[in-house]
């Protein structure tokens, strides 16, 4: 994407609030995981606020800004994956099944990989405004984030893929490898199957790829 009216740059504190609003609204609206748990946008924003700020402060995230209006058109929230290898239980019990699902996925990854800080980035959230879809903005943000991570010595990127669309894009288009997966139907938490309503895709996938120019 080469649009002179859109600036893709590192996400700083000045645009973080607008990026937070966009990312959370897009994520909750499209996330089958949150829909399965009945999590509202307000609850998700309260839950995510502190963690979002911490990830932005790492300096790996990028934002797409409309040069004419100054509005945020998209963002990609990126963090050092090493910091997430030992997930902490959430204070809000409503998010416990989601945290347990992620922990199960990460545990499978750790049986195959041993990494240090500064090696692997995690694309935690990606969001594009409905008004800016279809112009290659997500791809451009991925490229910018990958290049930024490379300059800091990172060699690989991972992502938790919960939708059929993201799995098709990352595994098919980007060619990343399915490193670990957890089936939604059989995943059990405290005697229940909280994600049994999700049938497409069948699994939460952790995909890994090498950062390239």
Protein backbone atom coordinates (compact mmCIF):
# COMPACT_ATOMS: atom_id res chain seq x y z
CA UNK A 1 0.00 0.00 0.00
CA UNK A 2 1.30 3.41 -0.98
CA UNK A 3 -1.29 5.98 -0.02
CA UNK A 4 0.08 9.50 0.41
CA UNK A 5 -2.84 10.39 2.67
CA UNK A 6 -2.08 7.66 5.24
CA UNK A 7 0.89 7.74 7.59
CA UNK A 8 2.04 4.52 9.27
CA UNK A 9 4.24 5.25 12.24
CA UNK A 10 5.18 3.94 15.70
CA UNK A 11 2.29 4.15 18.15
CA UNK A 12 3.02 6.67 20.88
CA UNK A 13 1.19 8.00 23.90
CA UNK A 14 -0.50 10.76 21.87
CA UNK A 15 -2.50 8.39 19.66
CA UNK A 16 -2.79 5.52 22.15
CA UNK A 17 -6.28 6.49 23.43
CA UNK A 18 -7.73 6.63 19.90
CA UNK A 19 -5.98 3.37 18.99
CA UNK A 20 -7.37 1.76 22.15
CA UNK A 21 -10.92 2.79 21.29
CA UNK A 22 -10.59 1.49 17.72
CA UNK A 23 -8.84 -1.76 18.62
CA UNK A 24 -11.26 -2.73 21.37
CA UNK A 25 -14.41 -1.86 19.40
CA UNK A 26 -13.26 -3.77 16.32
CA UNK A 27 -11.92 -6.69 18.36
CA UNK A 28 -15.05 -7.27 20.43
CA UNK A 29 -17.33 -6.90 17.42
CA UNK A 30 -15.42 -9.51 15.45
CA UNK A 31 -14.15 -11.87 18.14
CA UNK A 32 -15.94 -15.20 18.37
CA UNK A 33 -14.14 -15.81 21.67
CA UNK A 34 -15.61 -12.75 23.35
CA UNK A 35 -19.02 -13.39 21.84
CA UNK A 36 -19.00 -16.94 23.19
CA UNK A 37 -18.36 -15.59 26.69
CA UNK A 38 -20.84 -12.73 26.36
CA UNK A 39 -18.18 -10.11 27.12
CA UNK A 40 -19.28 -6.52 26.55
CA UNK A 41 -17.16 -3.75 25.08
CA UNK A 42 -17.15 -1.86 28.37
CA UNK A 43 -15.98 -4.91 30.33
CA UNK A 44 -13.27 -5.64 27.77
CA UNK A 45 -11.96 -2.09 27.87
CA UNK A 46 -11.74 -2.17 31.66
CA UNK A 47 -9.95 -5.51 31.54
CA UNK A 48 -7.49 -4.52 28.82
CA UNK A 49 -6.62 -0.93 29.79
CA UNK A 50 -3.46 -1.53 31.84
CA UNK A 51 -2.09 -4.27 29.60
CA UNK A 52 -2.68 -2.19 26.50
CA UNK A 53 -0.70 0.71 27.91
CA UNK A 54 2.16 -1.57 28.89
CA UNK A 55 2.35 -3.04 25.39
CA UNK A 56 2.32 0.40 23.76
CA UNK A 57 5.18 1.46 26.02
CA UNK A 58 7.33 -1.35 24.60
CA UNK A 59 7.55 0.70 21.40
CA UNK A 60 6.83 -2.15 18.98
CA UNK A 61 3.28 -1.20 17.98
CA UNK A 62 2.31 0.85 14.92
CA UNK A 63 -0.62 3.08 14.00
CA UNK A 64 -2.09 4.25 10.69
CA UNK A 65 -3.18 7.88 10.73
CA UNK A 66 -5.16 9.94 8.23
CA UNK A 67 -2.86 12.84 7.38
CA UNK A 68 -5.77 15.14 6.53
CA UNK A 69 -7.98 14.59 9.56
CA UNK A 70 -5.49 13.20 12.08
CA UNK A 71 -7.85 10.31 12.76
CA UNK A 72 -6.65 6.79 13.54
CA UNK A 73 -7.48 4.39 10.71
CA UNK A 74 -5.78 1.30 12.08
CA UNK A 75 -3.35 -0.07 14.61
CA UNK A 76 -1.28 -3.15 15.26
CA UNK A 77 -0.48 -3.87 18.90
CA UNK A 78 2.80 -5.76 19.19
CA UNK A 79 4.64 -7.05 22.25
CA UNK A 80 7.61 -9.19 23.22
CA UNK A 81 6.16 -12.71 23.33
CA UNK A 82 8.60 -13.81 26.03
CA UNK A 83 6.72 -11.68 28.58
CA UNK A 84 3.54 -13.67 27.88
CA UNK A 85 4.93 -17.18 28.26
CA UNK A 86 3.68 -17.37 31.84
CA UNK A 87 0.17 -15.86 31.77
CA UNK A 88 -1.24 -14.53 35.04
CA UNK A 89 -4.85 -15.31 35.98
CA UNK A 90 -7.19 -12.35 35.35
CA UNK A 91 -8.84 -10.54 38.25
CA UNK A 92 -12.18 -10.51 36.42
CA UNK A 93 -13.60 -14.04 36.53
CA UNK A 94 -15.48 -13.48 33.28
CA UNK A 95 -12.15 -13.59 31.44
CA UNK A 96 -10.88 -16.74 33.19
CA UNK A 97 -11.90 -19.13 30.38
CA UNK A 98 -10.16 -16.94 27.81
CA UNK A 99 -7.01 -16.74 29.92
CA UNK A 100 -7.06 -20.51 30.41
CA UNK A 101 -7.45 -21.07 26.67
CA UNK A 102 -4.47 -18.84 25.93
CA UNK A 103 -2.43 -20.53 28.66
CA UNK A 104 -3.14 -23.95 27.13
CA UNK A 105 -2.01 -22.70 23.72
CA UNK A 106 1.18 -21.16 25.12
CA UNK A 107 1.94 -24.34 27.07
CA UNK A 108 1.89 -26.32 23.82
CA UNK A 109 4.21 -23.78 22.23
CA UNK A 110 6.67 -24.08 25.12
CA UNK A 111 6.97 -27.83 24.57
CA UNK A 112 8.44 -27.05 21.14
CA UNK A 113 10.22 -23.74 21.58
CA UNK A 114 12.51 -22.15 24.15
CA UNK A 115 12.91 -18.42 23.62
CA UNK A 116 14.49 -15.46 25.34
CA UNK A 117 13.37 -11.86 25.56
CA UNK A 118 13.97 -9.92 22.36
CA UNK A 119 13.58 -12.86 19.99
CA UNK A 120 9.88 -13.24 19.13
CA UNK A 121 7.17 -10.62 18.79
CA UNK A 122 3.49 -11.34 19.39
CA UNK A 123 0.95 -9.52 17.23
CA UNK A 124 -1.59 -9.20 20.02
CA UNK A 125 -4.25 -7.10 18.30
CA UNK A 126 -4.82 -5.78 14.81
CA UNK A 127 -7.61 -3.41 13.85
CA UNK A 128 -8.60 -1.45 10.77
CA UNK A 129 -11.39 1.11 10.74
CA UNK A 130 -14.39 0.02 8.62
CA UNK A 131 -13.85 3.16 6.52
CA UNK A 132 -10.31 2.08 5.62
CA UNK A 133 -10.81 -1.58 4.80
CA UNK A 134 -9.97 -3.10 1.46
CA UNK A 135 -6.92 -0.95 0.68
CA UNK A 136 -4.20 -3.17 2.10
CA UNK A 137 -3.79 -1.28 5.37
CA UNK A 138 -3.41 -4.34 7.58
CA UNK A 139 -0.68 -5.73 5.34
CA UNK A 140 1.14 -2.39 5.37
CA UNK A 141 0.99 -2.22 9.17
CA UNK A 142 2.31 -5.78 9.44
CA UNK A 143 5.25 -4.89 7.21
CA UNK A 144 6.01 -1.76 9.22
CA UNK A 145 5.80 -3.63 12.53
CA UNK A 146 7.98 -6.48 11.26
CA UNK A 147 10.65 -4.06 10.06
CA UNK A 148 10.55 -2.17 13.35
CA UNK A 149 10.99 -5.40 15.32
CA UNK A 150 13.86 -6.49 13.10
CA UNK A 151 15.78 -3.29 13.81
CA UNK A 152 15.59 -4.23 17.49
CA UNK A 153 16.94 -7.73 16.91
CA UNK A 154 13.73 -9.80 16.85
CA UNK A 155 13.83 -12.75 14.46
CA UNK A 156 10.32 -14.28 14.58
CA UNK A 157 6.67 -13.31 14.91
CA UNK A 158 3.74 -15.24 16.38
CA UNK A 159 0.02 -14.62 16.46
CA UNK A 160 -2.98 -16.23 18.13
CA UNK A 161 -5.48 -16.85 15.34
CA UNK A 162 -9.08 -17.25 16.46
CA UNK A 163 -10.96 -16.64 13.20
CA UNK A 164 -11.09 -18.46 9.89
CA UNK A 165 -10.15 -15.25 8.07
CA UNK A 166 -6.98 -14.62 10.09
CA UNK A 167 -5.95 -18.26 9.83
CA UNK A 168 -6.36 -18.14 6.06
CA UNK A 169 -4.36 -14.92 5.80
CA UNK A 170 -1.51 -15.73 8.17
CA UNK A 171 -1.14 -19.43 7.39
CA UNK A 172 -2.00 -19.21 3.71
CA UNK A 173 -0.97 -15.77 2.48
CA UNK A 174 1.93 -15.08 4.84
CA UNK A 175 3.02 -18.72 4.92
CA UNK A 176 3.45 -18.91 8.69
CA UNK A 177 3.56 -22.28 10.42
CA UNK A 178 0.90 -23.72 12.72
CA UNK A 179 2.98 -24.34 15.85
CA UNK A 180 0.22 -25.16 18.34
CA UNK A 181 -3.55 -25.40 18.44
CA UNK A 182 -6.36 -25.95 20.95
CA UNK A 183 -9.74 -27.27 19.73
CA UNK A 184 -12.67 -25.10 20.77
CA UNK A 185 -15.18 -27.93 21.08
CA UNK A 186 -13.17 -30.08 23.49
CA UNK A 187 -11.51 -27.33 25.55
CA UNK A 188 -12.70 -27.61 29.14
CA UNK A 189 -12.57 -25.03 31.92
CA UNK A 190 -13.95 -25.73 35.40
CA UNK A 191 -16.13 -28.52 34.11
CA UNK A 192 -17.61 -26.53 31.22
CA UNK A 193 -16.90 -26.08 27.51
CA UNK A 194 -17.07 -22.28 27.20
CA UNK A 195 -16.16 -22.14 23.50
CA UNK A 196 -18.25 -25.08 22.26
CA UNK A 197 -20.44 -22.71 20.23
CA UNK A 198 -17.50 -21.89 17.95
CA UNK A 199 -17.50 -24.26 14.98
CA UNK A 200 -15.56 -22.26 12.38
CA UNK A 201 -12.65 -22.43 12.77
CA UNK A 202 -12.29 -25.61 14.78
CA UNK A 203 -9.23 -24.51 16.76
CA UNK A 204 -7.38 -21.58 18.21
CA UNK A 205 -4.06 -21.58 16.40
CA UNK A 206 -0.66 -20.16 17.33
CA UNK A 207 1.19 -19.39 14.11
CA UNK A 208 4.87 -18.55 13.82
CA UNK A 209 6.88 -17.01 11.02
CA UNK A 210 10.34 -15.59 10.44
CA UNK A 211 10.67 -11.85 10.17
CA UNK A 212 11.81 -10.93 6.67
CA UNK A 213 12.38 -7.68 4.84
